[in-house]
Amino acid sequence: LRQFLGLASYYRKFVNGFANVAAPLHRLLEKGAEWDWSKACQSAFDTLKYHLTSAPVLAYPDFHRQFIVDVDASGDGLGAVLSQREEKAERVVAYASRTLTKAERRYCATR
């Protein structure tokens, strides 16, 4: 949830009322908060997910512009965002993520 909110916050300028929409999810991450995935949390998650996968955040690729690849990895999974700079903003072209298999989790991280 923390990683999802981090990604969503990066694109917050495209989501009207971002702070209000994300508030139920942020409350789950407060110190000492009981984890209760309520209908409000699900609604906030679905709303943010919709905004992250729709225009103006998600865009068609322009093959005449350079692509930007942002990647992240942990011991459990991989993630990537393919984007392009358009005027003063980055526009997402695609997201990718997956969980590592048990065998992949044992791979050497330095090779």
N, C-alpha and C. Protein backbone atom coordinates (compact mmCIF):
# COMPACT_ATOMS: atom_id res chain seq x y z
N LEU A 1 0.84 -1.19 0.00
CA LEU A 1 0.00 0.00 0.00
C LEU A 1 0.88 1.25 0.00
N ARG A 2 1.95 1.22 0.78
CA ARG A 2 2.85 2.36 0.85
C ARG A 2 3.47 2.64 -0.53
N GLN A 3 3.87 1.58 -1.23
CA GLN A 3 4.46 1.75 -2.56
C GLN A 3 3.42 2.27 -3.56
N PHE A 4 2.22 1.75 -3.48
CA PHE A 4 1.15 2.21 -4.37
C PHE A 4 0.88 3.70 -4.15
N LEU A 5 0.80 4.11 -2.88
CA LEU A 5 0.55 5.52 -2.59
C LEU A 5 1.71 6.40 -3.04
N GLY A 6 2.93 5.86 -2.96
CA GLY A 6 4.08 6.60 -3.46
C GLY A 6 3.97 6.86 -4.95
N LEU A 7 3.60 5.83 -5.69
CA LEU A 7 3.41 5.97 -7.14
C LEU A 7 2.28 6.94 -7.43
N ALA A 8 1.17 6.77 -6.75
CA ALA A 8 0.01 7.64 -6.98
C ALA A 8 0.35 9.09 -6.64
N SER A 9 1.10 9.30 -5.58
CA SER A 9 1.46 10.66 -5.17
C SER A 9 2.32 11.36 -6.22
N TYR A 10 3.14 10.59 -6.91
CA TYR A 10 3.98 11.17 -7.95
C TYR A 10 3.13 11.82 -9.04
N TYR A 11 1.95 11.25 -9.30
CA TYR A 11 1.05 11.76 -10.34
C TYR A 11 -0.14 12.52 -9.75
N ARG A 12 -0.03 12.97 -8.52
CA ARG A 12 -1.14 13.60 -7.81
C ARG A 12 -1.70 14.83 -8.52
N LYS A 13 -0.87 15.54 -9.28
CA LYS A 13 -1.36 16.74 -9.96
C LYS A 13 -2.44 16.43 -11.00
N PHE A 14 -2.55 15.17 -11.40
CA PHE A 14 -3.56 14.77 -12.38
C PHE A 14 -4.86 14.28 -11.72
N VAL A 15 -4.87 14.21 -10.39
CA VAL A 15 -6.05 13.70 -9.67
C VAL A 15 -6.63 14.82 -8.83
N ASN A 16 -7.79 15.33 -9.25
CA ASN A 16 -8.44 16.39 -8.47
C ASN A 16 -8.78 15.89 -7.08
N GLY A 17 -8.43 16.67 -6.07
CA GLY A 17 -8.73 16.30 -4.69
C GLY A 17 -7.97 15.08 -4.22
N PHE A 18 -6.74 14.93 -4.69
CA PHE A 18 -5.95 13.73 -4.37
C PHE A 18 -5.92 13.44 -2.87
N ALA A 19 -5.64 14.45 -2.06
CA ALA A 19 -5.52 14.24 -0.61
C ALA A 19 -6.79 13.65 -0.02
N ASN A 20 -7.94 14.16 -0.45
CA ASN A 20 -9.21 13.64 0.06
C ASN A 20 -9.48 12.23 -0.43
N VAL A 21 -9.16 11.97 -1.70
CA VAL A 21 -9.38 10.63 -2.26
C VAL A 21 -8.52 9.60 -1.54
N ALA A 22 -7.25 9.94 -1.31
CA ALA A 22 -6.30 8.99 -0.72
C ALA A 22 -6.36 8.90 0.80
N ALA A 23 -7.10 9.78 1.45
CA ALA A 23 -7.13 9.84 2.91
C ALA A 23 -7.44 8.49 3.59
N PRO A 24 -8.44 7.72 3.14
CA PRO A 24 -8.69 6.43 3.81
C PRO A 24 -7.49 5.49 3.76
N LEU A 25 -6.73 5.54 2.68
CA LEU A 25 -5.56 4.67 2.55
C LEU A 25 -4.43 5.16 3.44
N HIS A 26 -4.25 6.47 3.52
CA HIS A 26 -3.21 7.02 4.39
C HIS A 26 -3.50 6.70 5.86
N ARG A 27 -4.78 6.69 6.23
CA ARG A 27 -5.13 6.37 7.63
C ARG A 27 -4.70 4.95 8.01
N LEU A 28 -4.74 4.04 7.05
CA LEU A 28 -4.30 2.66 7.33
C LEU A 28 -2.82 2.60 7.68
N LEU A 29 -2.04 3.56 7.19
CA LEU A 29 -0.59 3.54 7.39
C LEU A 29 -0.14 4.34 8.61
N GLU A 30 -1.08 4.95 9.31
CA GLU A 30 -0.71 5.70 10.51
C GLU A 30 -0.23 4.75 11.60
N LYS A 31 0.71 5.23 12.40
CA LYS A 31 1.27 4.42 13.48
C LYS A 31 0.15 4.01 14.44
N GLY A 32 0.08 2.72 14.72
CA GLY A 32 -0.91 2.19 15.66
C GLY A 32 -2.29 1.97 15.06
N ALA A 33 -2.45 2.28 13.79
CA ALA A 33 -3.77 2.11 13.16
C ALA A 33 -4.06 0.63 12.95
N GLU A 34 -5.31 0.26 13.20
CA GLU A 34 -5.74 -1.12 12.96
C GLU A 34 -6.02 -1.27 11.46
N TRP A 35 -5.55 -2.38 10.90
CA TRP A 35 -5.74 -2.62 9.46
C TRP A 35 -7.17 -3.06 9.23
N ASP A 36 -7.97 -2.19 8.64
CA ASP A 36 -9.36 -2.50 8.31
C ASP A 36 -9.63 -1.99 6.90
N TRP A 37 -9.58 -2.89 5.92
CA TRP A 37 -9.79 -2.51 4.52
C TRP A 37 -11.28 -2.33 4.32
N SER A 38 -11.75 -1.12 4.54
CA SER A 38 -13.17 -0.79 4.47
C SER A 38 -13.62 -0.52 3.04
N LYS A 39 -14.92 -0.29 2.88
CA LYS A 39 -15.44 0.09 1.56
C LYS A 39 -14.84 1.41 1.11
N ALA A 40 -14.59 2.32 2.04
CA ALA A 40 -13.97 3.61 1.70
C ALA A 40 -12.55 3.40 1.18
N CYS A 41 -11.82 2.46 1.77
CA CYS A 41 -10.46 2.15 1.31
C CYS A 41 -10.50 1.56 -0.10
N GLN A 42 -11.42 0.64 -0.33
CA GLN A 42 -11.53 0.02 -1.65
C GLN A 42 -11.91 1.06 -2.70
N SER A 43 -12.83 1.94 -2.33
CA SER A 43 -13.25 2.99 -3.25
C SER A 43 -12.09 3.93 -3.58
N ALA A 44 -11.32 4.31 -2.57
CA ALA A 44 -10.15 5.18 -2.78
C ALA A 44 -9.13 4.49 -3.68
N PHE A 45 -8.87 3.22 -3.41
CA PHE A 45 -7.92 2.45 -4.22
C PHE A 45 -8.38 2.38 -5.67
N ASP A 46 -9.65 2.05 -5.88
CA ASP A 46 -10.19 1.94 -7.24
C ASP A 46 -10.15 3.29 -7.97
N THR A 47 -10.47 4.37 -7.26
CA THR A 47 -10.44 5.70 -7.87
C THR A 47 -9.03 6.08 -8.30
N LEU A 48 -8.06 5.85 -7.42
CA LEU A 48 -6.67 6.17 -7.77
C LEU A 48 -6.17 5.30 -8.92
N LYS A 49 -6.52 4.02 -8.87
CA LYS A 49 -6.11 3.11 -9.94
C LYS A 49 -6.70 3.56 -11.28
N TYR A 50 -7.94 3.98 -11.27
CA TYR A 50 -8.58 4.48 -12.49
C TYR A 50 -7.82 5.69 -13.04
N HIS A 51 -7.51 6.64 -12.16
CA HIS A 51 -6.81 7.85 -12.61
C HIS A 51 -5.41 7.54 -13.13
N LEU A 52 -4.74 6.56 -12.54
CA LEU A 52 -3.38 6.22 -12.98
C LEU A 52 -3.37 5.50 -14.32
N THR A 53 -4.49 4.93 -14.70
CA THR A 53 -4.55 4.16 -15.95
C THR A 53 -5.42 4.83 -17.01
N SER A 54 -5.69 6.11 -16.84
CA SER A 54 -6.50 6.88 -17.78
C SER A 54 -5.78 8.17 -18.15
N ALA A 55 -6.23 8.79 -19.23
CA ALA A 55 -5.70 10.12 -19.58
C ALA A 55 -6.08 11.08 -18.46
N PRO A 56 -5.30 12.06 -18.11
CA PRO A 56 -4.07 12.48 -18.77
C PRO A 56 -2.81 11.79 -18.27
N VAL A 57 -2.90 10.88 -17.30
CA VAL A 57 -1.69 10.21 -16.83
C VAL A 57 -1.18 9.23 -17.88
N LEU A 58 -2.03 8.32 -18.31
CA LEU A 58 -1.64 7.32 -19.29
C LEU A 58 -1.81 7.88 -20.70
N ALA A 59 -0.78 7.74 -21.53
CA ALA A 59 -0.81 8.32 -22.87
C ALA A 59 -0.34 7.31 -23.91
N TYR A 60 -0.67 7.58 -25.15
CA TYR A 60 -0.16 6.77 -26.26
C TYR A 60 1.30 7.14 -26.50
N PRO A 61 2.13 6.18 -26.89
CA PRO A 61 3.53 6.51 -27.15
C PRO A 61 3.70 7.35 -28.41
N ASP A 62 4.67 8.24 -28.35
CA ASP A 62 5.08 9.02 -29.52
C ASP A 62 6.48 8.55 -29.87
N PHE A 63 6.60 7.78 -30.95
CA PHE A 63 7.87 7.15 -31.28
C PHE A 63 8.91 8.13 -31.82
N HIS A 64 8.56 9.40 -31.89
CA HIS A 64 9.52 10.43 -32.27
C HIS A 64 10.17 11.07 -31.04
N ARG A 65 9.74 10.69 -29.84
CA ARG A 65 10.30 11.22 -28.59
C ARG A 65 11.05 10.11 -27.86
N GLN A 66 11.97 10.53 -27.01
CA GLN A 66 12.71 9.56 -26.20
C GLN A 66 11.80 8.97 -25.13
N PHE A 67 12.09 7.72 -24.78
CA PHE A 67 11.37 7.06 -23.70
C PHE A 67 12.18 7.15 -22.42
N ILE A 68 11.49 7.16 -21.29
CA ILE A 68 12.10 7.14 -19.97
C ILE A 68 11.67 5.84 -19.31
N VAL A 69 12.61 5.07 -18.80
CA VAL A 69 12.30 3.82 -18.13
C VAL A 69 12.70 3.95 -16.67
N ASP A 70 11.74 3.83 -15.77
CA ASP A 70 11.99 3.81 -14.33
C ASP A 70 11.73 2.40 -13.85
N VAL A 71 12.69 1.83 -13.12
CA VAL A 71 12.54 0.46 -12.64
C VAL A 71 12.77 0.40 -11.14
N ASP A 72 12.20 -0.61 -10.53
CA ASP A 72 12.38 -0.84 -9.11
C ASP A 72 12.33 -2.34 -8.88
N ALA A 73 13.11 -2.80 -7.93
CA ALA A 73 13.13 -4.23 -7.61
C ALA A 73 13.31 -4.40 -6.12
N SER A 74 12.74 -5.45 -5.61
CA SER A 74 12.93 -5.83 -4.22
C SER A 74 13.19 -7.33 -4.21
N GLY A 75 13.30 -7.89 -3.05
CA GLY A 75 13.49 -9.32 -2.94
C GLY A 75 12.26 -10.12 -3.34
N ASP A 76 11.12 -9.43 -3.49
CA ASP A 76 9.86 -10.11 -3.78
C ASP A 76 9.29 -9.81 -5.16
N GLY A 77 9.66 -8.67 -5.76
CA GLY A 77 9.03 -8.33 -7.03
C GLY A 77 9.79 -7.30 -7.83
N LEU A 78 9.27 -7.06 -9.03
CA LEU A 78 9.84 -6.11 -9.97
C LEU A 78 8.76 -5.15 -10.43
N GLY A 79 9.15 -3.92 -10.74
CA GLY A 79 8.20 -2.96 -11.26
C GLY A 79 8.88 -2.02 -12.23
N ALA A 80 8.11 -1.50 -13.18
CA ALA A 80 8.67 -0.57 -14.16
C ALA A 80 7.57 0.37 -14.65
N VAL A 81 8.01 1.57 -15.02
CA VAL A 81 7.12 2.55 -15.64
C VAL A 81 7.83 3.07 -16.88
N LEU A 82 7.16 2.98 -18.02
CA LEU A 82 7.66 3.52 -19.27
C LEU A 82 6.93 4.83 -19.52
N SER A 83 7.68 5.92 -19.68
CA SER A 83 7.04 7.22 -19.86
C SER A 83 7.79 8.06 -20.88
N GLN A 84 7.20 9.20 -21.20
CA GLN A 84 7.82 10.16 -22.11
C GLN A 84 7.56 11.56 -21.58
N ARG A 85 8.54 12.44 -21.79
CA ARG A 85 8.36 13.83 -21.38
C ARG A 85 7.56 14.54 -22.47
N GLU A 86 6.50 15.20 -22.04
CA GLU A 86 5.64 15.95 -22.96
C GLU A 86 5.50 17.35 -22.40
N GLU A 87 6.11 18.30 -23.07
CA GLU A 87 6.18 19.68 -22.60
C GLU A 87 6.83 19.69 -21.23
N LYS A 88 6.10 19.98 -20.15
CA LYS A 88 6.73 20.08 -18.83
C LYS A 88 6.40 18.89 -17.93
N ALA A 89 5.70 17.91 -18.44
CA ALA A 89 5.28 16.79 -17.60
C ALA A 89 5.69 15.46 -18.23
N GLU A 90 5.84 14.46 -17.37
CA GLU A 90 6.05 13.10 -17.85
C GLU A 90 4.70 12.44 -18.01
N ARG A 91 4.52 11.74 -19.12
CA ARG A 91 3.28 11.01 -19.38
C ARG A 91 3.60 9.53 -19.39
N VAL A 92 2.86 8.75 -18.64
CA VAL A 92 3.07 7.31 -18.57
C VAL A 92 2.54 6.66 -19.85
N VAL A 93 3.33 5.76 -20.40
CA VAL A 93 2.92 4.99 -21.57
C VAL A 93 2.51 3.58 -21.14
N ALA A 94 3.22 3.02 -20.15
CA ALA A 94 2.89 1.67 -19.68
C ALA A 94 3.44 1.43 -18.29
N TYR A 95 2.76 0.56 -17.56
CA TYR A 95 3.22 0.07 -16.26
C TYR A 95 3.49 -1.42 -16.40
N ALA A 96 4.42 -1.93 -15.62
CA ALA A 96 4.66 -3.37 -15.59
C ALA A 96 5.10 -3.75 -14.18
N SER A 97 4.63 -4.88 -13.71
CA SER A 97 5.09 -5.38 -12.41
C SER A 97 4.77 -6.86 -12.32
N ARG A 98 5.54 -7.53 -11.50
CA ARG A 98 5.24 -8.93 -11.22
C ARG A 98 5.98 -9.36 -9.97
N THR A 99 5.48 -10.43 -9.39
CA THR A 99 6.09 -11.04 -8.23
C THR A 99 7.14 -12.04 -8.69
N LEU A 100 8.24 -12.11 -7.97
CA LEU A 100 9.28 -13.08 -8.31
C LEU A 100 8.87 -14.48 -7.86
N THR A 101 9.30 -15.48 -8.62
CA THR A 101 9.06 -16.87 -8.22
C THR A 101 10.00 -17.23 -7.08
N LYS A 102 9.76 -18.36 -6.44
CA LYS A 102 10.66 -18.80 -5.36
C LYS A 102 12.09 -18.94 -5.87
N ALA A 103 12.25 -19.51 -7.06
CA ALA A 103 13.59 -19.68 -7.62
C ALA A 103 14.25 -18.33 -7.89
N GLU A 104 13.50 -17.38 -8.45
CA GLU A 104 14.05 -16.06 -8.76
C GLU A 104 14.46 -15.31 -7.50
N ARG A 105 13.77 -15.55 -6.41
CA ARG A 105 14.12 -14.88 -5.14
C ARG A 105 15.48 -15.32 -4.63
N ARG A 106 15.96 -16.46 -5.09
CA ARG A 106 17.26 -16.96 -4.66
C ARG A 106 18.40 -16.52 -5.58
N TYR A 107 18.09 -15.84 -6.68
CA TYR A 107 19.13 -15.39 -7.61
C TYR A 107 20.05 -14.39 -6.92
N CYS A 108 21.28 -14.34 -7.38
CA CYS A 108 22.25 -13.37 -6.89
C CYS A 108 21.83 -11.97 -7.34
N ALA A 109 21.85 -11.03 -6.44
CA ALA A 109 21.41 -9.67 -6.77
C ALA A 109 22.48 -8.83 -7.46
N THR A 110 23.71 -9.32 -7.50
CA THR A 110 24.79 -8.51 -8.06
C THR A 110 25.19 -8.90 -9.47
N ARG A 111 24.51 -9.83 -10.08
CA ARG A 111 24.85 -10.25 -11.45
C ARG A 111 23.76 -9.90 -12.41
